[in-house]
C-alpha cells in the first residue's frame, strides 16, 4: 500500500467535495461535511492532517 500524502484539512475537504460531499458547517476546529446518502464526515481544520486520520476518513 502506498503512503498517503500529507495534506491540509481544507485540501481534504476539497477532495471529498469532488466525491459529492457537501460542506455543512464549521464547529470549533472541525469542518462537517455530509453526503446525500446520509454519511457525515468531521474533518479537522489543521495545516497538516495525520496520515492515520486521513486513512480513517477514507
N, C-alpha and C. Protein backbone atom coordinates (compact mmCIF):
# COMPACT_ATOMS: atom_id res chain seq x y z
N UNK A 1 0.84 -1.17 0.00
CA UNK A 1 0.00 0.00 0.00
C UNK A 1 0.89 1.24 0.00
N UNK A 2 0.60 2.18 -0.86
CA UNK A 2 1.40 3.39 -0.98
C UNK A 2 1.11 4.33 0.19
N UNK A 3 2.10 5.15 0.53
CA UNK A 3 1.91 6.12 1.60
C UNK A 3 0.96 7.22 1.14
N UNK A 4 0.13 7.66 2.05
CA UNK A 4 -0.77 8.77 1.75
C UNK A 4 0.02 10.08 1.84
N UNK A 5 -0.33 11.07 1.04
CA UNK A 5 0.37 12.35 1.12
C UNK A 5 -0.05 13.12 2.36
N UNK A 6 0.78 14.04 2.79
CA UNK A 6 0.44 14.93 3.90
C UNK A 6 -0.28 16.13 3.28
N UNK A 7 -1.56 16.29 3.63
CA UNK A 7 -2.35 17.40 3.10
C UNK A 7 -3.04 18.12 4.25
N UNK A 8 -3.56 19.30 3.96
CA UNK A 8 -4.27 20.07 4.99
C UNK A 8 -5.72 19.60 5.06
N UNK A 9 -6.39 20.02 6.10
CA UNK A 9 -7.80 19.68 6.24
C UNK A 9 -8.64 20.29 5.14
N UNK A 10 -8.30 21.50 4.73
CA UNK A 10 -9.05 22.17 3.66
C UNK A 10 -8.87 21.45 2.33
N UNK A 11 -7.65 20.96 2.07
CA UNK A 11 -7.41 20.19 0.84
C UNK A 11 -8.22 18.89 0.87
N UNK A 12 -8.30 18.27 2.03
CA UNK A 12 -9.10 17.05 2.16
C UNK A 12 -10.57 17.36 1.92
N UNK A 13 -11.04 18.49 2.44
CA UNK A 13 -12.43 18.90 2.22
C UNK A 13 -12.73 19.09 0.74
N UNK A 14 -11.81 19.69 0.01
CA UNK A 14 -11.99 19.89 -1.43
C UNK A 14 -12.05 18.55 -2.16
N UNK A 15 -11.21 17.60 -1.73
CA UNK A 15 -11.21 16.28 -2.35
C UNK A 15 -12.53 15.55 -2.10
N UNK A 16 -13.05 15.64 -0.87
CA UNK A 16 -14.32 14.98 -0.56
C UNK A 16 -15.48 15.69 -1.26
N UNK A 17 -15.36 17.00 -1.50
CA UNK A 17 -16.40 17.72 -2.24
C UNK A 17 -16.51 17.18 -3.66
N UNK A 18 -15.40 16.76 -4.23
CA UNK A 18 -15.43 16.17 -5.58
C UNK A 18 -16.14 14.82 -5.57
N UNK A 19 -16.26 14.21 -4.39
CA UNK A 19 -16.95 12.92 -4.25
C UNK A 19 -18.39 13.12 -3.77
N UNK A 20 -18.95 14.31 -4.03
CA UNK A 20 -20.34 14.67 -3.72
C UNK A 20 -20.62 14.91 -2.24
N UNK A 21 -19.59 15.11 -1.41
CA UNK A 21 -19.83 15.52 -0.04
C UNK A 21 -20.05 17.03 -0.05
N UNK A 22 -20.99 17.49 0.77
CA UNK A 22 -21.37 18.90 0.80
C UNK A 22 -20.96 19.48 2.15
N UNK A 23 -20.30 20.65 2.11
CA UNK A 23 -19.91 21.34 3.34
C UNK A 23 -21.18 21.76 4.07
N UNK A 24 -21.28 21.42 5.34
CA UNK A 24 -22.47 21.76 6.13
C UNK A 24 -22.18 22.93 7.06
N UNK A 25 -21.20 22.78 7.95
CA UNK A 25 -20.86 23.85 8.87
C UNK A 25 -19.50 23.61 9.50
N UNK A 26 -19.05 24.59 10.26
CA UNK A 26 -17.77 24.55 10.97
C UNK A 26 -18.10 24.52 12.45
N UNK A 27 -17.49 23.62 13.18
CA UNK A 27 -17.72 23.57 14.63
C UNK A 27 -16.36 23.46 15.31
N UNK A 28 -15.95 24.53 15.95
CA UNK A 28 -14.63 24.54 16.57
C UNK A 28 -13.57 24.45 15.50
N UNK A 29 -12.71 23.45 15.58
CA UNK A 29 -11.64 23.30 14.60
C UNK A 29 -11.95 22.18 13.60
N UNK A 30 -13.23 21.83 13.44
CA UNK A 30 -13.61 20.76 12.53
C UNK A 30 -14.64 21.25 11.51
N UNK A 31 -14.49 20.77 10.28
CA UNK A 31 -15.44 21.06 9.22
C UNK A 31 -16.34 19.84 9.06
N UNK A 32 -17.64 20.07 9.01
CA UNK A 32 -18.60 18.99 8.91
C UNK A 32 -19.13 18.93 7.48
N UNK A 33 -18.99 17.75 6.87
CA UNK A 33 -19.48 17.51 5.51
C UNK A 33 -20.51 16.39 5.58
N UNK A 34 -21.47 16.42 4.66
CA UNK A 34 -22.42 15.31 4.58
C UNK A 34 -22.57 14.88 3.13
N UNK A 35 -22.98 13.65 2.95
CA UNK A 35 -23.20 13.07 1.62
C UNK A 35 -24.70 12.84 1.47
N UNK A 36 -25.25 13.00 0.27
CA UNK A 36 -26.69 12.78 0.08
C UNK A 36 -27.17 11.40 0.55
N UNK A 37 -26.28 10.42 0.62
CA UNK A 37 -26.67 9.09 1.11
C UNK A 37 -26.83 9.06 2.62
N UNK A 38 -26.43 10.14 3.31
CA UNK A 38 -26.60 10.23 4.76
C UNK A 38 -25.31 10.15 5.56
N UNK A 39 -24.20 9.86 4.92
CA UNK A 39 -22.92 9.75 5.64
C UNK A 39 -22.40 11.14 6.01
N UNK A 40 -21.86 11.28 7.21
CA UNK A 40 -21.28 12.54 7.67
C UNK A 40 -19.79 12.37 7.90
N UNK A 41 -19.03 13.43 7.66
CA UNK A 41 -17.59 13.45 7.93
C UNK A 41 -17.25 14.66 8.78
N UNK A 42 -16.37 14.48 9.71
CA UNK A 42 -15.84 15.57 10.51
C UNK A 42 -14.35 15.66 10.21
N UNK A 43 -13.95 16.70 9.47
CA UNK A 43 -12.57 16.83 9.02
C UNK A 43 -11.88 17.91 9.85
N UNK A 44 -10.79 17.59 10.55
CA UNK A 44 -10.07 18.61 11.31
C UNK A 44 -9.53 19.70 10.39
N UNK A 45 -9.67 20.94 10.81
CA UNK A 45 -9.18 22.07 10.02
C UNK A 45 -7.76 22.40 10.48
N UNK A 46 -6.83 21.51 10.17
CA UNK A 46 -5.43 21.67 10.56
C UNK A 46 -4.57 21.90 9.32
N UNK A 47 -3.38 22.47 9.53
CA UNK A 47 -2.47 22.69 8.41
C UNK A 47 -1.99 21.38 7.82
N UNK A 48 -1.78 20.37 8.65
CA UNK A 48 -1.36 19.05 8.20
C UNK A 48 -2.20 17.99 8.91
N UNK A 49 -2.86 17.15 8.12
CA UNK A 49 -3.60 16.03 8.70
C UNK A 49 -2.64 14.86 8.89
N UNK A 50 -2.78 14.18 10.00
CA UNK A 50 -2.00 12.97 10.24
C UNK A 50 -2.44 11.92 9.22
N UNK A 51 -1.51 11.12 8.75
CA UNK A 51 -1.84 10.10 7.74
C UNK A 51 -2.88 9.11 8.27
N UNK A 52 -2.82 8.80 9.55
CA UNK A 52 -3.80 7.89 10.14
C UNK A 52 -5.20 8.48 10.13
N UNK A 53 -5.30 9.78 10.39
CA UNK A 53 -6.59 10.46 10.35
C UNK A 53 -7.15 10.45 8.94
N UNK A 54 -6.31 10.74 7.96
CA UNK A 54 -6.74 10.73 6.57
C UNK A 54 -7.18 9.33 6.15
N UNK A 55 -6.47 8.32 6.59
CA UNK A 55 -6.83 6.93 6.26
C UNK A 55 -8.20 6.59 6.83
N UNK A 56 -8.49 7.03 8.06
CA UNK A 56 -9.78 6.75 8.68
C UNK A 56 -10.92 7.48 7.96
N UNK A 57 -10.64 8.68 7.44
CA UNK A 57 -11.67 9.42 6.70
C UNK A 57 -12.02 8.71 5.40
N UNK A 58 -11.01 8.13 4.78
CA UNK A 58 -11.22 7.44 3.50
C UNK A 58 -11.98 6.16 3.78
